[in-house]
Amino acid sequence: MVNIKELNPDASPQAAYGARLRKVRESRGWIQDHLASLVGCTGRHISAIETGRKSATLPFSRRTDIAFDLVGTPESFEREWREIRHGSMLEGFPEYVGYEGRAVEIRLFRIGLVPGLMQTREYAQALADGDLRRGSVTPEQAEERVTFLQERQAALVRPRPPMVFVVMDESCLLQAVGGPKVMAAQLQRLEELAALPNWIIHVAPFEIGVRRAFDMPINLLTLADRSVVAYAESQMQGYVEREQSAVVPMLTTYHQLQGETLSQAASLAMISQLRKGIP
């Protein structure tokens, strides 16, 4: 008789993932070896994940969703993996990232800080270190944030990359993060991105005053079916909006804001001048 280990899903998020994996598998009447053949691993590996001895990966979770026909559903294992992996992130952000990876157009507006997708590792690390000093994250969570950001950036490098439109408030360029060397490298990164054919970068100067349409960061994603997803966040919470009646006016406002910004050439001139002026 096979000795089946009793699972405790309350022990950890990984344990809950494993317990649900076993429950879904058994509900299909499948043995571990059968699921393993569908996802491209061994029955021993399935056992290790179900019992919490090994952690699932994103590729494993995606293949499991395909095997169980759970792709894109609230019960998907990819969704659970992201919730585990990015538990230190704001609520709503892991869901947004799932859309970001499939977007054909990305529109960003930022105040105060360079957008994450444009940050150098050193700039991102300086921000994470600041959160660590304030005690708002653990050392592990700080490192996770930086690593996760690099994964998001890498996902943009693909055969058909998305068009990325960026509007940065002038404050993004002037707020010192990590010291002169870090800021000089970050400004140079902005110049390098602007030279790519799929990046359009504009600076919203302080002079536009009340004509600045947004008072908080906003992300707008256009998907392959031309639907638009919006993401906004406060200090404590992120929110994904998919209702088109709410999202389309945001897209219109974004276009209006672009009309108030400096041209890309003038924006790059400002960035270059600031970089050269750093001691």
Protein backbone atom coordinates (compact mmCIF):
# COMPACT_ATOMS: atom_id res chain seq x y z
CA MET A 1 0.00 0.00 0.00
CA VAL A 2 1.38 3.42 -0.96
CA ASN A 3 2.13 5.67 2.00
CA ILE A 4 0.47 8.99 1.14
CA LYS A 5 1.83 11.89 3.16
CA GLU A 6 -0.85 13.98 4.84
CA LEU A 7 -0.58 17.61 3.77
CA ASN A 8 -1.02 20.75 5.85
CA PRO A 9 -1.98 23.58 3.49
CA ASP A 10 -1.81 26.09 6.36
CA ALA A 11 1.89 25.46 6.92
CA SER A 12 3.03 27.88 4.19
CA PRO A 13 1.96 29.31 0.83
CA GLN A 14 4.07 26.62 -0.85
CA ALA A 15 2.29 23.94 1.16
CA ALA A 16 -1.08 25.37 0.11
CA TYR A 17 0.04 25.29 -3.53
CA GLY A 18 1.12 21.66 -3.21
CA ALA A 19 -2.05 20.60 -1.43
CA ARG A 20 -4.21 22.19 -4.13
CA LEU A 21 -2.10 20.57 -6.84
CA ARG A 22 -2.77 17.16 -5.31
CA LYS A 23 -6.47 17.92 -4.87
CA VAL A 24 -6.92 19.00 -8.49
CA ARG A 25 -4.88 16.07 -9.78
CA GLU A 26 -6.84 13.54 -7.75
CA SER A 27 -10.14 15.11 -8.80
CA ARG A 28 -9.16 14.19 -12.36
CA GLY A 29 -8.34 10.64 -11.30
CA TRP A 30 -4.70 11.10 -12.38
CA ILE A 31 -1.64 9.55 -10.81
CA GLN A 32 1.48 11.65 -10.36
CA ASP A 33 3.25 10.03 -13.30
CA HIS A 34 0.40 10.95 -15.64
CA LEU A 35 0.49 14.62 -14.66
CA ALA A 36 4.27 14.50 -14.93
CA SER A 37 4.03 13.27 -18.52
CA LEU A 38 1.81 16.23 -19.39
CA VAL A 39 3.99 18.93 -17.82
CA GLY A 40 7.38 17.47 -18.75
CA CYS A 41 8.85 16.32 -15.46
CA THR A 42 8.95 13.19 -13.30
CA GLY A 43 6.41 11.78 -10.89
CA ARG A 44 9.01 12.26 -8.16
CA HIS A 45 9.09 15.98 -8.95
CA ILE A 46 5.28 16.20 -8.75
CA SER A 47 5.45 14.46 -5.37
CA ALA A 48 8.09 16.90 -4.12
CA ILE A 49 5.94 19.90 -5.05
CA GLU A 50 2.77 18.42 -3.59
CA THR A 51 4.49 17.74 -0.28
CA GLY A 52 6.24 21.10 -0.15
CA ARG A 53 9.75 19.70 -0.47
CA LYS A 54 10.25 21.68 -3.69
CA SER A 55 8.81 25.00 -4.81
CA ALA A 56 6.97 25.27 -8.10
CA THR A 57 8.35 27.50 -10.84
CA LEU A 58 6.54 29.80 -13.24
CA PRO A 59 7.08 27.46 -16.26
CA PHE A 60 5.81 24.50 -14.21
CA SER A 61 2.73 26.48 -13.16
CA ARG A 62 1.97 27.46 -16.74
CA ARG A 63 2.31 23.88 -18.02
CA THR A 64 0.12 22.69 -15.16
CA ASP A 65 -2.57 25.21 -16.13
CA ILE A 66 -2.49 23.85 -19.68
CA ALA A 67 -2.78 20.28 -18.42
CA PHE A 68 -5.73 21.14 -16.17
CA ASP A 69 -7.29 23.62 -18.64
CA LEU A 70 -7.01 26.44 -16.11
CA VAL A 71 -5.19 29.03 -18.25
CA GLY A 72 -6.47 32.54 -17.54
CA THR A 73 -8.93 31.42 -14.85
CA PRO A 74 -9.07 32.59 -11.23
CA GLU A 75 -8.04 29.05 -10.24
CA SER A 76 -4.90 29.03 -12.37
CA PHE A 77 -1.68 27.85 -10.79
CA GLU A 78 0.22 30.67 -12.49
CA ARG A 79 -1.93 33.15 -10.60
CA GLU A 80 -1.23 31.36 -7.30
CA TRP A 81 2.49 31.20 -8.09
CA ARG A 82 2.59 34.94 -8.71
CA GLU A 83 0.78 35.62 -5.44
CA ILE A 84 3.36 33.51 -3.60
CA ARG A 85 6.35 34.82 -5.48
CA HIS A 86 5.40 38.47 -5.16
CA GLY A 87 3.75 38.47 -1.78
CA SER A 88 5.66 41.65 -0.87
CA MET A 89 4.12 43.49 -3.82
CA LEU A 90 1.06 45.70 -3.64
CA GLU A 91 -2.30 44.02 -4.04
CA GLY A 92 -3.24 44.01 -7.71
CA PHE A 93 0.31 44.30 -9.00
CA PRO A 94 0.93 40.61 -9.81
CA GLU A 95 -2.29 40.62 -11.83
CA TYR A 96 -1.12 43.71 -13.69
CA VAL A 97 2.23 42.11 -14.51
CA GLY A 98 0.43 39.20 -16.15
CA TYR A 99 -1.20 41.66 -18.55
CA GLU A 100 2.03 43.62 -19.03
CA GLY A 101 3.78 40.55 -20.41
CA ARG A 102 1.13 40.25 -23.14
CA ALA A 103 0.71 43.93 -24.00
CA VAL A 104 1.41 45.24 -27.50
CA GLU A 105 1.51 48.85 -26.25
CA ILE A 106 2.52 50.14 -22.83
CA ARG A 107 1.85 53.70 -21.68
CA LEU A 108 3.38 54.95 -18.45
CA PHE A 109 3.15 58.16 -16.44
CA ARG A 110 5.34 58.74 -13.40
CA ILE A 111 5.95 61.43 -10.80
CA GLY A 112 9.07 61.59 -8.64
CA LEU A 113 10.76 58.34 -9.66
CA VAL A 114 11.94 56.86 -12.95
CA PRO A 115 9.47 54.16 -14.11
CA GLY A 116 10.48 50.66 -13.04
CA LEU A 117 10.80 49.32 -16.58
CA MET A 118 13.46 51.97 -17.21
CA GLN A 119 15.45 51.65 -13.99
CA THR A 120 19.02 50.43 -13.81
CA ARG A 121 19.68 47.70 -11.27
CA GLU A 122 21.62 50.18 -9.12
CA TYR A 123 18.75 52.69 -9.11
CA ALA A 124 16.24 49.96 -8.26
CA GLN A 125 18.56 48.62 -5.56
CA ALA A 126 18.87 52.07 -3.98
CA LEU A 127 15.07 52.31 -3.77
CA ALA A 128 14.82 48.83 -2.28
CA ASP A 129 17.55 49.65 0.23
CA GLY A 130 15.58 52.70 1.30
CA ASP A 131 12.52 50.55 1.96
CA LEU A 132 14.73 48.12 3.88
CA ARG A 133 16.13 50.88 6.11
CA ARG A 134 12.60 52.03 6.89
CA GLY A 135 11.68 48.49 7.87
CA SER A 136 8.90 48.21 5.30
CA VAL A 137 10.45 45.11 3.67
CA THR A 138 12.76 42.29 4.69
CA PRO A 139 16.20 41.83 3.07
CA GLU A 140 14.75 38.92 1.08
CA GLN A 141 11.81 41.02 -0.13
CA ALA A 142 14.13 43.88 -1.10
CA GLU A 143 16.23 41.57 -3.25
CA GLU A 144 13.10 39.94 -4.67
CA ARG A 145 11.80 43.32 -5.84
CA VAL A 146 14.99 44.07 -7.73
CA THR A 147 15.15 40.61 -9.29
CA PHE A 148 11.49 40.74 -10.26
CA LEU A 149 11.96 44.13 -11.89
CA GLN A 150 14.80 42.76 -14.01
CA GLU A 151 12.56 39.86 -15.07
CA ARG A 152 9.88 42.33 -16.20
CA GLN A 153 12.45 44.32 -18.16
CA ALA A 154 13.80 41.17 -19.80
CA ALA A 155 10.26 40.18 -20.85
CA LEU A 156 10.12 43.29 -23.06
CA VAL A 157 13.02 42.01 -25.17
CA ARG A 158 11.31 39.71 -27.63
CA PRO A 159 10.99 39.30 -31.42
CA ARG A 160 8.00 41.65 -31.51
CA PRO A 161 8.51 43.97 -28.53
CA PRO A 162 5.71 46.24 -27.35
CA MET A 163 5.68 49.94 -28.13
CA VAL A 164 6.42 51.78 -24.89
CA PHE A 165 5.23 55.36 -24.44
CA VAL A 166 6.51 57.16 -21.37
CA VAL A 167 5.61 60.52 -19.85
CA MET A 168 7.81 61.44 -16.90
CA ASP A 169 7.22 64.43 -14.70
CA GLU A 170 10.36 66.56 -14.51
CA SER A 171 10.68 65.55 -10.84
CA CYS A 172 11.65 62.03 -11.97
CA LEU A 173 14.89 63.45 -13.35
CA LEU A 174 15.70 65.74 -10.43
CA GLN A 175 15.06 63.53 -7.41
CA ALA A 176 18.43 62.13 -6.36
CA VAL A 177 18.45 58.35 -5.88
CA GLY A 178 21.57 56.45 -4.86
CA GLY A 179 24.07 59.26 -5.35
CA PRO A 180 25.65 61.00 -8.38
CA LYS A 181 27.12 57.85 -9.98
CA VAL A 182 23.80 56.00 -9.85
CA MET A 183 21.89 58.99 -11.21
CA ALA A 184 24.35 59.55 -14.06
CA ALA A 185 24.02 55.91 -15.12
CA GLN A 186 20.24 56.10 -14.83
CA LEU A 187 20.01 59.17 -17.04
CA GLN A 188 22.27 57.49 -19.56
CA ARG A 189 19.92 54.49 -19.54
CA LEU A 190 17.04 56.81 -20.44
CA GLU A 191 19.00 58.12 -23.41
CA GLU A 192 19.78 54.57 -24.54
CA LEU A 193 16.13 53.51 -24.33
CA ALA A 194 15.01 56.57 -26.29
CA ALA A 195 17.30 55.48 -29.12
CA LEU A 196 15.35 52.22 -29.51
CA PRO A 197 12.60 52.21 -32.17
CA ASN A 198 9.89 50.97 -29.77
CA TRP A 199 10.43 53.56 -27.01
CA ILE A 200 8.93 57.08 -27.03
CA ILE A 201 9.92 59.22 -24.06
CA HIS A 202 8.52 62.63 -23.09
CA VAL A 203 9.21 64.86 -20.11
CA ALA A 204 6.36 66.85 -18.61
CA PRO A 205 8.08 70.07 -17.42
CA PHE A 206 7.07 71.83 -14.25
CA GLU A 207 5.83 74.75 -16.37
CA ILE A 208 2.71 72.88 -17.50
CA GLY A 209 1.36 73.33 -13.96
CA VAL A 210 -2.31 72.44 -13.65
CA ARG A 211 -2.32 71.09 -17.19
CA ARG A 212 -0.67 67.94 -15.86
CA ALA A 213 -3.60 65.57 -16.17
CA PHE A 214 -2.66 62.92 -13.57
CA ASP A 215 -1.71 63.32 -9.91
CA MET A 216 -0.57 59.73 -9.44
CA PRO A 217 1.31 57.10 -11.45
CA ILE A 218 -0.74 55.42 -14.14
CA ASN A 219 -0.10 52.46 -16.45
CA LEU A 220 -2.20 51.77 -19.55
CA LEU A 221 -1.78 48.51 -21.46
CA THR A 222 -3.16 47.82 -24.92
CA LEU A 223 -3.59 44.09 -25.53
CA ALA A 224 -3.55 42.22 -28.84
CA ASP A 225 -7.35 42.44 -29.12
CA ARG A 226 -7.05 46.26 -28.71
CA SER A 227 -8.70 46.21 -25.30
CA VAL A 228 -7.05 48.44 -22.70
CA VAL A 229 -6.16 47.62 -19.10
CA ALA A 230 -5.33 50.35 -16.57
CA TYR A 231 -3.31 50.07 -13.39
CA ALA A 232 -2.94 52.70 -10.68
CA GLU A 233 -1.66 52.51 -7.15
CA SER A 234 -1.58 54.37 -3.89
CA GLN A 235 0.96 53.95 -1.09
CA MET A 236 -0.76 50.81 0.15
CA GLN A 237 -2.70 49.27 -2.72
CA GLY A 238 -2.69 48.72 -6.46
CA TYR A 239 -5.80 48.41 -8.59
CA VAL A 240 -6.36 46.88 -12.03
CA GLU A 241 -9.22 48.30 -14.09
CA ARG A 242 -10.51 46.33 -17.10
CA GLU A 243 -13.90 47.97 -17.61
CA GLN A 244 -13.55 49.80 -20.93
CA SER A 245 -16.02 52.52 -19.99
CA ALA A 246 -13.63 53.52 -17.21
CA VAL A 247 -10.35 52.88 -19.03
CA VAL A 248 -10.96 54.65 -22.36
CA PRO A 249 -11.33 58.13 -20.73
CA MET A 250 -7.95 57.53 -19.02
CA LEU A 251 -6.42 56.77 -22.41
CA THR A 252 -7.88 59.99 -23.82
CA THR A 253 -6.48 61.96 -20.89
CA TYR A 254 -3.07 60.36 -21.42
CA HIS A 255 -3.05 61.51 -25.05
CA GLN A 256 -3.99 65.02 -23.93
CA LEU A 257 -1.11 64.99 -21.45
CA GLN A 258 1.32 63.93 -24.19
CA GLY A 259 0.32 67.06 -26.07
CA GLU A 260 1.49 69.20 -23.14
CA THR A 261 4.92 67.56 -22.81
CA LEU A 262 8.26 68.40 -24.38
CA SER A 263 9.01 66.73 -27.70
CA GLN A 264 11.19 63.63 -27.56
CA ALA A 265 14.14 65.64 -28.88
CA ALA A 266 13.67 68.36 -26.26
CA SER A 267 13.13 65.75 -23.55
CA LEU A 268 16.38 64.01 -24.47
CA ALA A 269 18.20 67.33 -24.50
CA MET A 270 17.02 67.97 -20.94
CA ILE A 271 18.08 64.48 -19.83
CA SER A 272 21.49 64.82 -21.47
CA GLN A 273 22.08 68.26 -19.96
CA LEU A 274 21.23 66.97 -16.48
CA ARG A 275 23.52 63.97 -16.88
CA LYS A 276 26.44 66.09 -18.03
CA GLY A 277 25.89 68.47 -15.13
CA ILE A 278 26.25 65.74 -12.49
CA PRO A 279 29.63 66.16 -10.74
